[in-house]
């Protein structure tokens, strides 16, 4: 798994590539939670993620809880079919803000104009 970070004017984007599984989740969790501590808006690009397991879902939920506790925001976008399916099965599509594209996510977040 690879995670790269892009800083826009009002948002930080995490581009995740690979599998978010038990082996990679500690790094995913560290980057997600660390970024949430520093930034008011974190957007996670799941376009390059082919697989996510329960440990990855647990890390996302921990990020969601932290974002609410810190009065911050987390947005997910470009979910692949597998990631979307897992989030739908766990009914987390009603918990997270999810958008089809980066442009839609930025527009919804009011963070355009990097």
C-alpha atoms as a PDB file:
ATOM      1  CA  UNK A   1       0.000   0.000   0.000  1.00  0.00           C
ATOM      2  CA  UNK A   2       1.147   3.515  -0.796  1.00  0.00           C
ATOM      3  CA  UNK A   3      -0.213   6.773   0.589  1.00  0.00           C
ATOM      4  CA  UNK A   4       0.700  10.134  -0.829  1.00  0.00           C
ATOM      5  CA  UNK A   5      -0.500  13.464   0.506  1.00  0.00           C
ATOM      6  CA  UNK A   6      -1.525  16.522  -1.454  1.00  0.00           C
ATOM      7  CA  UNK A   7      -2.177  19.850   0.197  1.00  0.00           C
ATOM      8  CA  UNK A   8      -4.780  22.133  -1.330  1.00  0.00           C
ATOM      9  CA  UNK A   9      -5.774  25.535   0.005  1.00  0.00           C
ATOM     10  CA  UNK A  10      -8.496  24.197   2.312  1.00  0.00           C
ATOM     11  CA  UNK A  11      -8.112  20.422   2.130  1.00  0.00           C
ATOM     12  CA  UNK A  12      -5.540  17.698   2.468  1.00  0.00           C
ATOM     13  CA  UNK A  13      -5.994  14.761   0.114  1.00  0.00           C
ATOM     14  CA  UNK A  14      -4.700  11.292   0.888  1.00  0.00           C
ATOM     15  CA  UNK A  15      -4.241   9.250  -2.295  1.00  0.00           C
ATOM     16  CA  UNK A  16      -4.282   5.592  -1.260  1.00  0.00           C
ATOM     17  CA  UNK A  17      -3.100   2.818  -3.602  1.00  0.00           C
ATOM     18  CA  UNK A  18      -3.081  -0.923  -2.938  1.00  0.00           C
ATOM     19  CA  UNK A  19      -4.736  -3.072  -0.309  1.00  0.00           C
ATOM     20  CA  UNK A  20      -5.934  -1.650   3.002  1.00  0.00           C
ATOM     21  CA  UNK A  21      -5.674  -4.876   4.971  1.00  0.00           C
ATOM     22  CA  UNK A  22      -4.385  -6.145   8.304  1.00  0.00           C
ATOM     23  CA  UNK A  23      -0.787  -5.782   7.104  1.00  0.00           C
ATOM     24  CA  UNK A  24      -1.127  -2.185   5.891  1.00  0.00           C
ATOM     25  CA  UNK A  25      -3.771  -0.796   8.218  1.00  0.00           C
ATOM     26  CA  UNK A  26      -1.351   0.459  10.914  1.00  0.00           C
ATOM     27  CA  UNK A  27       0.247   2.824   8.383  1.00  0.00           C
ATOM     28  CA  UNK A  28      -3.135   3.868   6.947  1.00  0.00           C
ATOM     29  CA  UNK A  29      -4.433   4.567  10.460  1.00  0.00           C
ATOM     30  CA  UNK A  30      -1.304   6.523  11.422  1.00  0.00           C
ATOM     31  CA  UNK A  31      -1.469   8.752   8.347  1.00  0.00           C
ATOM     32  CA  UNK A  32      -5.243   9.279   8.549  1.00  0.00           C
ATOM     33  CA  UNK A  33      -5.333  10.106  12.261  1.00  0.00           C
ATOM     34  CA  UNK A  34      -2.167  12.192  12.096  1.00  0.00           C
ATOM     35  CA  UNK A  35      -3.533  14.248   9.227  1.00  0.00           C
ATOM     36  CA  UNK A  36      -6.869  14.740  10.983  1.00  0.00           C
ATOM     37  CA  UNK A  37      -5.063  16.163  14.011  1.00  0.00           C
ATOM     38  CA  UNK A  38      -3.417  18.814  11.829  1.00  0.00           C
ATOM     39  CA  UNK A  39      -5.963  19.617   9.134  1.00  0.00           C
ATOM     40  CA  UNK A  40      -9.625  20.715   9.268  1.00  0.00           C
ATOM     41  CA  UNK A  41     -10.608  18.805   6.119  1.00  0.00           C
ATOM     42  CA  UNK A  42      -9.177  15.455   5.052  1.00  0.00           C
ATOM     43  CA  UNK A  43     -10.272  13.828   1.814  1.00  0.00           C
ATOM     44  CA  UNK A  44      -9.369  10.211   1.066  1.00  0.00           C
ATOM     45  CA  UNK A  45      -9.041   9.117  -2.565  1.00  0.00           C
ATOM     46  CA  UNK A  46      -9.800   5.396  -2.793  1.00  0.00           C
ATOM     47  CA  UNK A  47      -9.454   5.124  -6.580  1.00  0.00           C
ATOM     48  CA  UNK A  48      -6.340   2.941  -6.322  1.00  0.00           C
ATOM     49  CA  UNK A  49      -7.654   0.661  -3.565  1.00  0.00           C
ATOM     50  CA  UNK A  50      -8.655  -2.788  -4.781  1.00  0.00           C
ATOM     51  CA  UNK A  51      -9.317  -4.313  -1.359  1.00  0.00           C
ATOM     52  CA  UNK A  52     -10.245  -3.208   2.163  1.00  0.00           C
ATOM     53  CA  UNK A  53     -10.804  -5.530   5.102  1.00  0.00           C
ATOM     54  CA  UNK A  54     -12.362  -5.103   8.536  1.00  0.00           C
ATOM     55  CA  UNK A  55      -9.170  -3.587   9.964  1.00  0.00           C
ATOM     56  CA  UNK A  56      -9.281  -0.899   7.260  1.00  0.00           C
ATOM     57  CA  UNK A  57     -12.945  -0.244   8.017  1.00  0.00           C
ATOM     58  CA  UNK A  58     -12.109  -0.001  11.735  1.00  0.00           C
ATOM     59  CA  UNK A  59      -9.436   2.607  10.947  1.00  0.00           C
ATOM     60  CA  UNK A  60     -11.902   4.596   8.861  1.00  0.00           C
ATOM     61  CA  UNK A  61     -14.396   4.519  11.727  1.00  0.00           C
ATOM     62  CA  UNK A  62     -11.720   5.638  14.156  1.00  0.00           C
ATOM     63  CA  UNK A  63     -10.932   8.509  11.799  1.00  0.00           C
ATOM     64  CA  UNK A  64     -14.612   9.397  11.625  1.00  0.00           C
ATOM     65  CA  UNK A  65     -14.914   9.427  15.428  1.00  0.00           C
ATOM     66  CA  UNK A  66     -11.784  11.552  15.730  1.00  0.00           C
ATOM     67  CA  UNK A  67     -13.025  13.993  13.105  1.00  0.00           C
ATOM     68  CA  UNK A  68     -16.258  14.490  15.047  1.00  0.00           C
ATOM     69  CA  UNK A  69     -14.437  14.850  18.387  1.00  0.00           C
ATOM     70  CA  UNK A  70     -12.087  17.470  16.899  1.00  0.00           C
ATOM     71  CA  UNK A  71     -14.852  19.193  14.913  1.00  0.00           C
ATOM     72  CA  UNK A  72     -13.116  18.335  11.645  1.00  0.00           C
ATOM     73  CA  UNK A  73     -14.301  16.729   8.427  1.00  0.00           C
ATOM     74  CA  UNK A  74     -13.446  13.583   6.509  1.00  0.00           C
ATOM     75  CA  UNK A  75     -14.638  12.939   2.955  1.00  0.00           C
ATOM     76  CA  UNK A  76     -14.173   9.799   0.855  1.00  0.00           C
ATOM     77  CA  UNK A  77     -14.175   9.821  -2.942  1.00  0.00           C
ATOM     78  CA  UNK A  78     -13.543   7.654  -6.025  1.00  0.00           C
ATOM     79  CA  UNK A  79     -14.510   4.413  -4.315  1.00  0.00           C
ATOM     80  CA  UNK A  80     -13.818   1.340  -6.400  1.00  0.00           C
ATOM     81  CA  UNK A  81     -16.488  -1.362  -6.649  1.00  0.00           C
ATOM     82  CA  UNK A  82     -15.024  -3.499  -3.859  1.00  0.00           C
ATOM     83  CA  UNK A  83     -14.605  -0.633  -1.392  1.00  0.00           C
ATOM     84  CA  UNK A  84     -18.084   0.690  -2.182  1.00  0.00           C
ATOM     85  CA  UNK A  85     -19.559  -2.774  -1.715  1.00  0.00           C
ATOM     86  CA  UNK A  86     -17.947  -3.196   1.713  1.00  0.00           C
ATOM     87  CA  UNK A  87     -19.136   0.245   2.822  1.00  0.00           C
ATOM     88  CA  UNK A  88     -22.648  -0.513   1.552  1.00  0.00           C
ATOM     89  CA  UNK A  89     -22.763  -3.910   3.306  1.00  0.00           C
ATOM     90  CA  UNK A  90     -21.704  -2.307   6.577  1.00  0.00           C
ATOM     91  CA  UNK A  91     -24.127   0.580   5.998  1.00  0.00           C
ATOM     92  CA  UNK A  92     -21.275   3.055   6.308  1.00  0.00           C
ATOM     93  CA  UNK A  93     -22.357   4.861   3.152  1.00  0.00           C
ATOM     94  CA  UNK A  94     -24.864   6.609   5.430  1.00  0.00           C
ATOM     95  CA  UNK A  95     -22.108   7.629   7.868  1.00  0.00           C
ATOM     96  CA  UNK A  96     -19.394   8.976   5.569  1.00  0.00           C
ATOM     97  CA  UNK A  97     -19.591  11.765   3.031  1.00  0.00           C
ATOM     98  CA  UNK A  98     -18.862   9.968  -0.256  1.00  0.00           C
ATOM     99  CA  UNK A  99     -18.468  11.476  -3.718  1.00  0.00           C
ATOM    100  CA  UNK A 100     -17.797  10.038  -7.159  1.00  0.00           C
ATOM    101  CA  UNK A 101     -15.011  12.444  -8.112  1.00  0.00           C
ATOM    102  CA  UNK A 102     -12.452  14.728  -6.543  1.00  0.00           C
ATOM    103  CA  UNK A 103     -14.163  17.697  -8.169  1.00  0.00           C
ATOM    104  CA  UNK A 104     -17.522  16.813  -6.587  1.00  0.00           C
ATOM    105  CA  UNK A 105     -15.881  16.294  -3.202  1.00  0.00           C
ATOM    106  CA  UNK A 106     -14.090  19.645  -3.397  1.00  0.00           C
ATOM    107  CA  UNK A 107     -17.251  21.402  -4.471  1.00  0.00           C
ATOM    108  CA  UNK A 108     -19.238  19.842  -1.618  1.00  0.00           C
ATOM    109  CA  UNK A 109     -16.498  20.782   0.831  1.00  0.00           C
ATOM    110  CA  UNK A 110     -16.293  24.352  -0.421  1.00  0.00           C
ATOM    111  CA  UNK A 111     -12.562  23.825  -0.863  1.00  0.00           C
ATOM    112  CA  UNK A 112     -12.142  24.726  -4.512  1.00  0.00           C
ATOM    113  CA  UNK A 113      -9.381  27.019  -5.556  1.00  0.00           C
ATOM    114  CA  UNK A 114      -6.229  25.280  -4.458  1.00  0.00           C
END
